[in-house]
Amino acid sequence: MKTTRRIFLKSGAMALASVGIIPALGPEFLRRAVWADDAKGPGRRKTLVCIFLRGAVDGLSVVVPHGDPNYYKLRSVGAGGIAIARTGQDGVVDLDGQFGLHPALSMLKPIYDAGHMGAIHAVGSPNPTRSHFDAQDYMESAAPGNKGIHTGWLARAMAACPEDARNGAKISTVSLTAQVPRSLDGDREALAIPNLQTFGIGRDGKAMSIGGGTGDTSGGFEALYAGAVGDVLHGAGAETFDAVKTLNGLDPARYRPARGANYSRSPLGQSLQQIAQLVKANLGLEVAFAEAGGWDTHVGQGGAQGNLARRLADLGQALAAFYTDLGDRMGDVTVLTMSEFGRTARQNGDGGTDHGHGTCFLTLGGQVAGGKVLGDWPGLAPNQLNDGRDLAVTTDFRRIFGEVANKQLGVTDFKTVFPEYALSPRDFRGVLKS
């Protein structure tokens, strides 16, 4: 049977794990896939960072429509309530008199004021599903309602990237997750790296195991590597060893964020810190993916304080630290958050919210046309709610995906990336500068 690059990519790490090592950057084709190893071009490139907030984040709490009087008819302030007050110590961080950030996201206000952060409200999928699994699948494939499309939108966007085609190099893609996410599933190589500190070889030259230990390298790492993979990587051991040493040279354990940036120790905070390190290393990173769970707040959601507030504080700290750490490099970086759907507009009897429809995306970066809340606000009056219960969707999420794919990655072949959606630049929401 012919062994394809895609088969190796998905199974190679598992195969090498069985002999106690991680393949790290892999052979030449995999090294190019991750680091865009193009000798003719500079290592510094534009980078798109996608963050999936899994579990359906309550967009009405992320960016609070405090200027809509119906918001306070659907949610109460105070004990047992989940609404955010318009004023006071725990009140919204006002943005424009109509919308405001949750107080737990207050650290993002200076970025918003600088014009480097924006929000898109009432965004989501035209598909009515309230299933997490289906909605995430539809969003990552960018094909709502169609289970027959098996590739991810980011994978198709990267395959359609004209700059990469001109350079003759594979697009560098890294996901700070245990597995390649659905968004990156396709014919182009992508690599999942759960943690840079356990992905490579120790500074003493010994091969690192998945658990962080070391394997026996008495026969030499190259020999052990070649023996483990057989004919699939025949002749590529030396190149792979050089690639592993390149990554190991970054020494993630000793990385110190710039300008006093303070990342949390949470998985999301650490993922963004490692993405920042890869960006600053000028290794050609073009697409990075991270995710955070815990947004399914059916019970005890809380208002200005509580469960959701803690999750939002972690998100805000991670984004603010990333922005601070990269400094001027944010001119090349765009961050986009997304979630499969929103929550019900009215709080339930358990002090939480149930599965809804429209939600709010955030964008951050030097090319973001920030300092504004984009989207057509549908209102929260009874006759304006979706199914009489949810924030309606007025912006199809593919309009946002298409714009960042075009302006950040250079994609112009929208039909390939969004095969079931007629998209043109006229549909863009003005998320990024032209």
Protein backbone atom coordinates (compact mmCIF):
# COMPACT_ATOMS: atom_id res chain seq x y z
CA MET A 1 0.00 0.00 0.00
CA LYS A 2 1.27 3.44 -0.88
CA THR A 3 2.03 5.53 2.20
CA THR A 4 0.85 9.09 1.71
CA ARG A 5 2.04 12.19 3.51
CA ARG A 6 -1.39 12.57 5.04
CA ILE A 7 -1.29 9.04 6.46
CA PHE A 8 2.13 9.69 7.95
CA LEU A 9 1.03 12.97 9.42
CA LYS A 10 -1.92 11.46 11.25
CA SER A 11 -0.27 8.22 12.30
CA GLY A 12 3.43 9.02 12.50
CA ALA A 13 3.39 10.44 15.99
CA MET A 14 1.49 7.42 17.30
CA ALA A 15 3.91 5.05 15.61
CA LEU A 16 6.97 6.73 17.04
CA ALA A 17 5.39 7.05 20.45
CA SER A 18 5.41 3.28 20.63
CA VAL A 19 9.22 3.30 20.64
CA GLY A 20 9.42 6.07 23.18
CA ILE A 21 10.13 9.15 21.08
CA ILE A 22 8.27 11.91 19.31
CA PRO A 23 9.02 12.57 15.63
CA ALA A 24 9.14 16.29 16.32
CA LEU A 25 9.33 18.14 13.05
CA GLY A 26 9.54 15.07 10.88
CA PRO A 27 11.21 14.67 7.51
CA GLU A 28 11.79 17.45 5.01
CA PHE A 29 8.22 17.59 3.72
CA LEU A 30 6.88 17.78 7.27
CA ARG A 31 9.46 20.35 8.31
CA ARG A 32 8.31 22.52 5.42
CA ALA A 33 4.69 21.97 6.36
CA VAL A 34 5.30 23.30 9.84
CA TRP A 35 7.98 25.93 9.40
CA ALA A 36 7.54 26.90 5.73
CA ASP A 37 11.19 26.09 5.12
CA ASP A 38 11.63 28.30 2.08
CA ALA A 39 15.21 29.36 1.53
CA LYS A 40 14.15 32.03 -0.96
CA GLY A 41 11.70 33.84 1.27
CA PRO A 42 11.97 35.53 4.65
CA GLY A 43 10.93 33.68 7.77
CA ARG A 44 8.66 36.53 8.80
CA ARG A 45 5.18 36.13 7.37
CA LYS A 46 1.64 37.05 8.21
CA THR A 47 0.09 34.76 10.78
CA LEU A 48 -3.56 33.93 11.39
CA VAL A 49 -4.35 32.63 14.88
CA CYS A 50 -7.75 30.96 15.27
CA ILE A 51 -9.11 30.27 18.75
CA PHE A 52 -12.14 28.00 19.03
CA LEU A 53 -14.17 28.55 22.23
CA ARG A 54 -15.82 25.14 22.42
CA GLY A 55 -19.10 24.76 24.23
CA ALA A 56 -20.99 27.79 22.88
CA VAL A 57 -19.90 30.99 24.58
CA ASP A 58 -22.57 33.45 25.71
CA GLY A 59 -21.94 36.33 23.31
CA LEU A 60 -24.39 38.51 25.22
CA SER A 61 -21.97 38.39 28.15
CA VAL A 62 -18.78 38.79 26.12
CA VAL A 63 -19.96 42.02 24.52
CA VAL A 64 -22.98 43.16 26.51
CA PRO A 65 -25.77 45.04 24.66
CA HIS A 66 -26.40 47.26 27.66
CA GLY A 67 -28.06 49.89 25.48
CA ASP A 68 -30.85 47.48 24.51
CA PRO A 69 -33.54 47.78 27.21
CA ASN A 70 -34.80 44.28 26.51
CA TYR A 71 -31.49 42.85 27.73
CA TYR A 72 -32.43 43.72 31.31
CA LYS A 73 -35.92 42.30 30.84
CA LEU A 74 -34.46 38.93 29.91
CA ARG A 75 -31.70 38.84 32.50
CA SER A 76 -31.58 40.17 36.02
CA VAL A 77 -28.79 41.95 37.88
CA GLY A 78 -27.78 40.93 41.38
CA ALA A 79 -28.14 37.74 43.38
CA GLY A 80 -28.89 34.83 41.06
CA GLY A 81 -28.86 37.07 38.01
CA ILE A 82 -26.50 36.89 35.05
CA ALA A 83 -26.95 40.39 33.61
CA ILE A 84 -24.08 42.88 33.80
CA ALA A 85 -25.07 46.24 35.26
CA ARG A 86 -24.70 49.36 33.12
CA THR A 87 -22.81 51.23 35.83
CA GLY A 88 -20.91 50.60 39.02
CA GLN A 89 -17.79 48.72 40.03
CA ASP A 90 -18.99 45.50 38.38
CA GLY A 91 -20.63 47.25 35.47
CA VAL A 92 -19.90 46.88 31.78
CA VAL A 93 -16.76 48.37 30.30
CA ASP A 94 -18.55 50.70 27.91
CA LEU A 95 -17.41 50.73 24.30
CA ASP A 96 -19.83 52.97 22.43
CA GLY A 97 -22.89 53.63 24.57
CA GLN A 98 -24.67 50.60 23.12
CA PHE A 99 -22.22 47.79 23.80
CA GLY A 100 -19.68 47.09 26.51
CA LEU A 101 -17.18 44.41 27.46
CA HIS A 102 -17.80 42.08 30.36
CA PRO A 103 -15.82 43.51 33.30
CA ALA A 104 -13.65 40.39 33.31
CA LEU A 105 -12.42 41.49 29.87
CA SER A 106 -11.46 44.98 30.98
CA MET A 107 -7.79 44.37 30.10
CA LEU A 108 -8.82 44.36 26.43
CA LYS A 109 -10.27 47.88 26.48
CA PRO A 110 -6.91 49.64 25.80
CA ILE A 111 -6.41 47.38 22.77
CA TYR A 112 -9.91 48.26 21.56
CA ASP A 113 -9.24 51.96 22.10
CA ALA A 114 -6.00 51.66 20.12
CA GLY A 115 -8.03 50.37 17.18
CA HIS A 116 -6.43 46.92 17.30
CA MET A 117 -9.43 44.97 18.59
CA GLY A 118 -12.99 44.67 17.38
CA ALA A 119 -16.04 42.49 17.77
CA ILE A 120 -18.65 41.06 15.41
CA HIS A 121 -22.01 40.58 17.11
CA ALA A 122 -24.99 38.44 16.13
CA VAL A 123 -22.68 36.18 14.11
CA GLY A 124 -23.20 32.46 13.65
CA SER A 125 -24.46 29.70 11.42
CA PRO A 126 -27.60 29.67 9.30
CA ASN A 127 -28.11 26.07 10.39
CA PRO A 128 -30.53 25.81 13.36
CA THR A 129 -28.86 22.89 15.13
CA ARG A 130 -28.37 23.13 18.88
CA SER A 131 -26.01 20.15 18.94
CA HIS A 132 -22.45 21.04 19.98
CA PHE A 133 -21.01 18.24 17.87
CA ASP A 134 -22.88 19.13 14.69
CA ALA A 135 -22.48 22.89 15.06
CA GLN A 136 -18.72 22.63 15.65
CA ASP A 137 -18.38 20.29 12.69
CA TYR A 138 -20.35 22.64 10.44
CA MET A 139 -18.34 25.65 11.52
CA GLU A 140 -14.98 23.95 11.10
CA SER A 141 -15.93 22.60 7.68
CA ALA A 142 -17.68 25.89 6.84
CA ALA A 143 -20.49 23.84 5.34
CA PRO A 144 -23.54 24.23 7.62
CA GLY A 145 -25.90 21.28 7.36
CA ASN A 146 -23.67 19.22 5.06
CA LYS A 147 -21.93 16.24 6.62
CA GLY A 148 -20.59 15.18 3.23
CA ILE A 149 -17.75 17.74 3.23
CA HIS A 150 -14.86 16.14 5.07
CA THR A 151 -12.18 18.82 4.87
CA GLY A 152 -11.77 21.87 7.07
CA TRP A 153 -12.09 25.47 5.91
CA LEU A 154 -8.59 26.40 7.06
CA ALA A 155 -7.09 23.44 5.21
CA ARG A 156 -8.87 24.52 2.01
CA ALA A 157 -7.86 28.14 2.56
CA MET A 158 -4.22 27.18 2.90
CA ALA A 159 -4.38 25.03 -0.22
CA ALA A 160 -5.75 28.03 -2.10
CA CYS A 161 -3.13 30.46 -0.79
CA PRO A 162 -1.44 32.00 -3.85
CA GLU A 163 1.62 33.32 -2.02
CA ASP A 164 2.50 29.85 -0.81
CA ALA A 165 2.06 28.44 -4.29
CA ARG A 166 4.48 31.02 -5.70
CA ASN A 167 7.08 30.24 -3.07
CA GLY A 168 6.82 26.55 -3.81
CA ALA A 169 6.65 25.72 -0.10
CA LYS A 170 4.05 24.06 2.03
CA ILE A 171 2.12 26.43 4.25
CA SER A 172 3.30 26.24 7.83
CA THR A 173 0.46 25.26 10.14
CA VAL A 174 0.56 24.40 13.82
CA SER A 175 -2.23 23.47 16.19
CA LEU A 176 -1.57 23.68 19.92
CA THR A 177 -3.87 20.72 20.50
CA ALA A 178 -3.51 17.00 21.04
CA GLN A 179 -4.93 16.23 17.60
CA VAL A 180 -5.21 18.06 14.30
CA PRO A 181 -8.53 19.93 14.55
CA ARG A 182 -11.35 19.56 12.05
CA SER A 183 -10.62 23.05 10.67
CA LEU A 184 -7.20 21.87 9.45
CA ASP A 185 -8.28 18.48 8.16
CA GLY A 186 -7.41 18.17 4.47
CA ASP A 187 -4.77 17.32 1.94
CA ARG A 188 -2.28 19.88 3.21
CA GLU A 189 -0.08 18.87 6.12
CA ALA A 190 -0.72 20.30 9.57
CA LEU A 191 0.86 19.34 12.85
CA ALA A 192 -0.60 19.15 16.33
CA ILE A 193 1.84 20.08 19.11
CA PRO A 194 0.21 19.84 22.55
CA ASN A 195 3.22 21.38 24.26
CA LEU A 196 6.53 22.61 22.83
CA GLN A 197 8.36 21.65 26.01
CA THR A 198 7.71 17.95 25.43
CA PHE A 199 8.04 18.10 21.66
CA GLY A 200 11.64 17.50 20.66
CA ILE A 201 14.81 16.30 22.30
CA GLY A 202 16.36 17.15 25.62
CA ARG A 203 19.24 19.55 25.78
CA ASP A 204 21.53 16.61 26.52
CA GLY A 205 20.64 15.13 23.12
CA LYS A 206 18.37 12.39 24.43
CA ALA A 207 15.05 11.79 22.75
CA MET A 208 12.04 13.09 24.65
CA SER A 209 9.08 10.82 25.31
CA ILE A 210 5.45 11.93 25.30
CA GLY A 211 5.49 11.98 29.06
CA GLY A 212 8.60 14.15 29.14
CA GLY A 213 11.08 11.40 29.98
CA THR A 214 13.98 10.24 27.85
CA GLY A 215 14.56 7.19 25.72
CA ASP A 216 17.71 5.17 25.17
CA THR A 217 19.72 6.80 22.39
CA SER A 218 22.80 4.63 22.68
CA GLY A 219 22.61 3.87 18.97
CA GLY A 220 22.24 7.52 18.07
CA PHE A 221 19.01 9.41 17.56
CA GLU A 222 19.27 9.20 13.78
CA ALA A 223 19.61 5.43 13.88
CA LEU A 224 16.75 5.01 16.34
CA TYR A 225 14.57 7.29 14.26
CA ALA A 226 15.34 5.51 11.01
CA GLY A 227 14.77 2.10 12.57
CA ALA A 228 11.42 3.14 13.98
CA VAL A 229 9.86 4.34 10.75
CA GLY A 230 11.47 2.05 8.20
CA ASP A 231 11.05 2.79 4.53
CA VAL A 232 8.59 5.66 5.05
CA LEU A 233 11.37 8.03 6.14
CA HIS A 234 14.33 6.25 4.57
CA GLY A 235 17.20 8.68 4.13
CA ALA A 236 15.48 11.53 5.99
CA GLY A 237 16.94 10.97 9.46
CA ALA A 238 19.65 13.62 9.23
CA GLU A 239 17.23 16.28 8.03
CA THR A 240 14.81 15.36 10.79
CA PHE A 241 17.51 15.51 13.45
CA ASP A 242 18.46 19.01 12.28
CA ALA A 243 14.82 20.06 12.44
CA VAL A 244 14.44 18.66 15.96
CA LYS A 245 17.53 20.57 17.07
CA THR A 246 16.07 23.75 15.55
CA LEU A 247 12.95 23.44 17.66
CA ASN A 248 14.90 22.41 20.72
CA GLY A 249 17.05 25.49 20.30
CA LEU A 250 14.02 27.61 21.09
CA ASP A 251 14.18 26.21 24.65
CA PRO A 252 10.49 26.82 25.51
CA ALA A 253 11.11 26.31 29.23
CA ARG A 254 13.35 29.38 29.31
CA TYR A 255 11.19 31.62 27.16
CA ARG A 256 10.50 34.99 28.75
CA PRO A 257 7.63 37.06 27.31
CA ALA A 258 8.52 40.62 26.34
CA ARG A 259 7.31 43.87 27.88
CA GLY A 260 6.12 42.21 31.07
CA ALA A 261 3.42 40.19 29.33
CA ASN A 262 1.76 37.92 31.87
CA TYR A 263 0.30 34.71 30.47
CA SER A 264 -1.87 32.59 32.73
CA ARG A 265 -0.89 28.99 33.43
CA SER A 266 -4.12 27.78 31.84
CA PRO A 267 -3.97 25.65 28.68
CA LEU A 268 -5.11 28.60 26.58
CA GLY A 269 -2.61 30.98 28.12
CA GLN A 270 0.23 28.54 27.57
CA SER A 271 -0.89 27.82 24.00
CA LEU A 272 -0.80 31.51 23.11
CA GLN A 273 2.57 31.96 24.79
CA GLN A 274 4.01 29.17 22.67
CA ILE A 275 2.43 30.57 19.51
CA ALA A 276 4.05 33.93 20.32
CA GLN A 277 7.40 32.22 20.67
CA LEU A 278 7.01 30.53 17.30
CA VAL A 279 6.02 33.81 15.63
CA LYS A 280 9.02 35.65 17.06
CA ALA A 281 11.38 32.86 16.04
CA ASN A 282 10.82 33.77 12.36
CA LEU A 283 10.22 30.17 11.40
CA GLY A 284 7.54 30.94 8.83
CA LEU A 285 4.42 30.25 10.89
CA GLU A 286 1.35 31.22 8.87
CA VAL A 287 -1.59 29.56 10.63
CA ALA A 288 -1.90 28.63 14.30
CA PHE A 289 -4.88 27.07 16.04
CA ALA A 290 -5.78 26.93 19.73
CA GLU A 291 -8.91 26.09 21.67
CA ALA A 292 -10.52 26.45 25.07
CA GLY A 293 -13.49 24.60 26.53
CA GLY A 294 -15.80 25.16 29.46
CA TRP A 295 -18.30 27.56 27.86
CA ASP A 296 -21.42 25.40 28.22
CA THR A 297 -22.97 27.35 31.10
CA HIS A 298 -26.34 25.72 31.74
CA VAL A 299 -26.09 26.09 35.51
CA GLY A 300 -24.62 28.81 37.71
CA GLN A 301 -23.27 30.94 34.90
CA GLY A 302 -22.87 33.99 37.10
CA GLY A 303 -22.82 37.65 36.17
CA ALA A 304 -19.91 39.99 36.81
CA GLN A 305 -18.49 37.27 39.07
CA GLY A 306 -18.76 33.51 38.83
CA ASN A 307 -18.03 30.65 36.46
CA LEU A 308 -18.30 32.49 33.18
CA ALA A 309 -16.45 35.51 34.52
CA ARG A 310 -13.49 33.29 35.42
CA ARG A 311 -13.41 31.81 31.93
CA LEU A 312 -13.60 35.26 30.36
CA ALA A 313 -10.85 36.58 32.62
CA ASP A 314 -8.58 33.78 31.42
CA LEU A 315 -9.44 34.53 27.79
CA GLY A 316 -8.83 38.24 28.29
CA GLN A 317 -5.53 37.71 30.08
CA ALA A 318 -4.33 35.33 27.37
CA LEU A 319 -5.22 37.72 24.55
CA ALA A 320 -3.78 40.77 26.31
CA ALA A 321 -0.53 38.95 27.11
CA PHE A 322 -0.20 37.75 23.52
CA TYR A 323 -0.74 41.28 22.21
CA THR A 324 1.76 42.77 24.67
CA ASP A 325 4.35 40.06 24.12
CA LEU A 326 4.40 40.41 20.34
CA GLY A 327 4.43 44.21 20.32
CA ASP A 328 5.12 45.49 16.81
CA ARG A 329 4.89 41.95 15.49
CA MET A 330 1.12 42.21 15.91
CA GLY A 331 1.23 44.13 12.66
CA ASP A 332 1.65 40.74 10.96
CA VAL A 333 -0.74 38.80 13.21
CA THR A 334 -4.52 38.53 13.28
CA VAL A 335 -6.36 36.66 16.04
CA LEU A 336 -9.94 35.47 15.53
CA THR A 337 -12.08 33.84 18.21
CA MET A 338 -15.09 31.74 17.30
CA SER A 339 -17.72 29.55 18.93
CA GLU A 340 -20.26 27.13 17.47
CA PHE A 341 -23.32 29.09 18.63
CA GLY A 342 -24.49 31.35 21.45
CA ARG A 343 -26.77 30.98 24.44
CA THR A 344 -30.41 31.74 25.08
CA ALA A 345 -31.20 35.40 25.63
CA ARG A 346 -33.23 34.70 28.77
CA GLN A 347 -31.54 33.14 31.78
CA ASN A 348 -32.97 29.82 32.87
CA GLY A 349 -34.18 28.67 36.28
CA ASP A 350 -30.74 27.34 37.19
CA GLY A 351 -29.01 30.67 36.84
CA GLY A 352 -27.57 29.73 33.48
CA THR A 353 -28.34 29.76 29.78
CA ASP A 354 -29.18 27.02 27.32
CA HIS A 355 -28.09 26.39 23.76
CA GLY A 356 -28.87 29.38 21.57
CA HIS A 357 -28.07 30.74 18.13
CA GLY A 358 -26.18 33.99 17.51
CA THR A 359 -23.00 34.86 19.41
CA CYS A 360 -20.03 37.23 19.29
CA PHE A 361 -16.59 36.81 17.68
CA LEU A 362 -13.55 38.86 18.66
CA THR A 363 -10.70 40.00 16.42
CA LEU A 364 -7.33 41.35 17.48
CA GLY A 365 -4.24 42.50 15.61
CA GLY A 366 -2.46 45.32 13.88
CA GLN A 367 -4.48 44.88 10.68
CA VAL A 368 -7.82 44.77 12.50
CA ALA A 369 -10.16 47.66 11.74
CA GLY A 370 -10.86 47.86 15.44
CA GLY A 371 -12.42 50.22 17.90
CA LYS A 372 -15.92 49.22 16.83
CA VAL A 373 -18.57 46.54 17.22
CA LEU A 374 -19.51 45.28 13.77
CA GLY A 375 -22.63 43.49 12.62
CA ASP A 376 -26.31 44.30 12.28
CA TRP A 377 -27.84 44.27 15.74
CA PRO A 378 -31.19 42.41 15.49
CA GLY A 379 -32.51 43.49 18.88
CA LEU A 380 -33.79 41.48 21.83
CA ALA A 381 -37.50 42.28 21.74
CA PRO A 382 -39.74 39.17 21.71
CA ASN A 383 -40.49 39.53 18.00
CA GLN A 384 -36.79 39.98 17.21
CA LEU A 385 -35.51 36.80 18.86
CA ASN A 386 -34.74 33.66 16.93
CA ASP A 387 -37.42 31.06 17.80
CA GLY A 388 -38.57 33.53 20.43
CA ARG A 389 -35.55 32.69 22.61
CA ASP A 390 -32.15 33.42 21.03
CA LEU A 391 -30.09 36.26 19.63
CA ALA A 392 -30.74 36.09 15.89
CA VAL A 393 -27.88 35.59 13.42
CA THR A 394 -27.42 38.53 11.06
CA THR A 395 -23.86 37.71 9.91
CA ASP A 396 -23.09 34.30 8.48
CA PHE A 397 -19.76 33.21 10.01
CA ARG A 398 -18.42 32.43 6.54
CA ARG A 399 -18.37 36.15 5.77
CA ILE A 400 -15.84 36.55 8.58
CA PHE A 401 -13.83 33.46 7.67
CA GLY A 402 -13.74 34.57 4.04
CA GLU A 403 -12.50 38.03 4.91
CA VAL A 404 -9.62 36.85 7.10
CA ALA A 405 -8.71 34.18 4.53
CA ASN A 406 -8.57 36.86 1.85
CA LYS A 407 -6.87 39.71 3.68
CA GLN A 408 -4.57 37.69 5.95
CA LEU A 409 -3.73 34.65 3.83
CA GLY A 410 -4.25 36.12 0.37
CA VAL A 411 -7.02 33.71 -0.70
CA THR A 412 -9.08 34.80 -3.70
CA ASP A 413 -10.60 31.45 -4.73
CA PHE A 414 -13.66 31.61 -2.47
CA LYS A 415 -15.45 28.82 -4.31
CA THR A 416 -12.78 26.33 -3.29
CA VAL A 417 -12.79 27.40 0.35
CA PHE A 418 -16.58 27.79 0.64
CA PRO A 419 -18.00 25.39 -1.97
CA GLU A 420 -21.63 25.87 -0.90
CA TYR A 421 -21.59 29.62 -0.28
CA ALA A 422 -21.50 32.42 -2.82
CA LEU A 423 -18.99 34.83 -1.33
CA SER A 424 -17.36 37.96 -2.72
CA PRO A 425 -15.46 40.89 -1.17
CA ARG A 426 -18.76 42.79 -1.16
CA ASP A 427 -19.86 40.47 1.64
CA PHE A 428 -16.95 41.30 3.94
CA ARG A 429 -17.82 42.94 7.24
CA GLY A 430 -14.83 45.26 7.41
CA VAL A 431 -13.07 43.21 10.07
CA LEU A 432 -9.61 43.87 8.63
CA LYS A 433 -8.12 46.86 6.91
CA SER A 434 -8.01 46.70 3.14
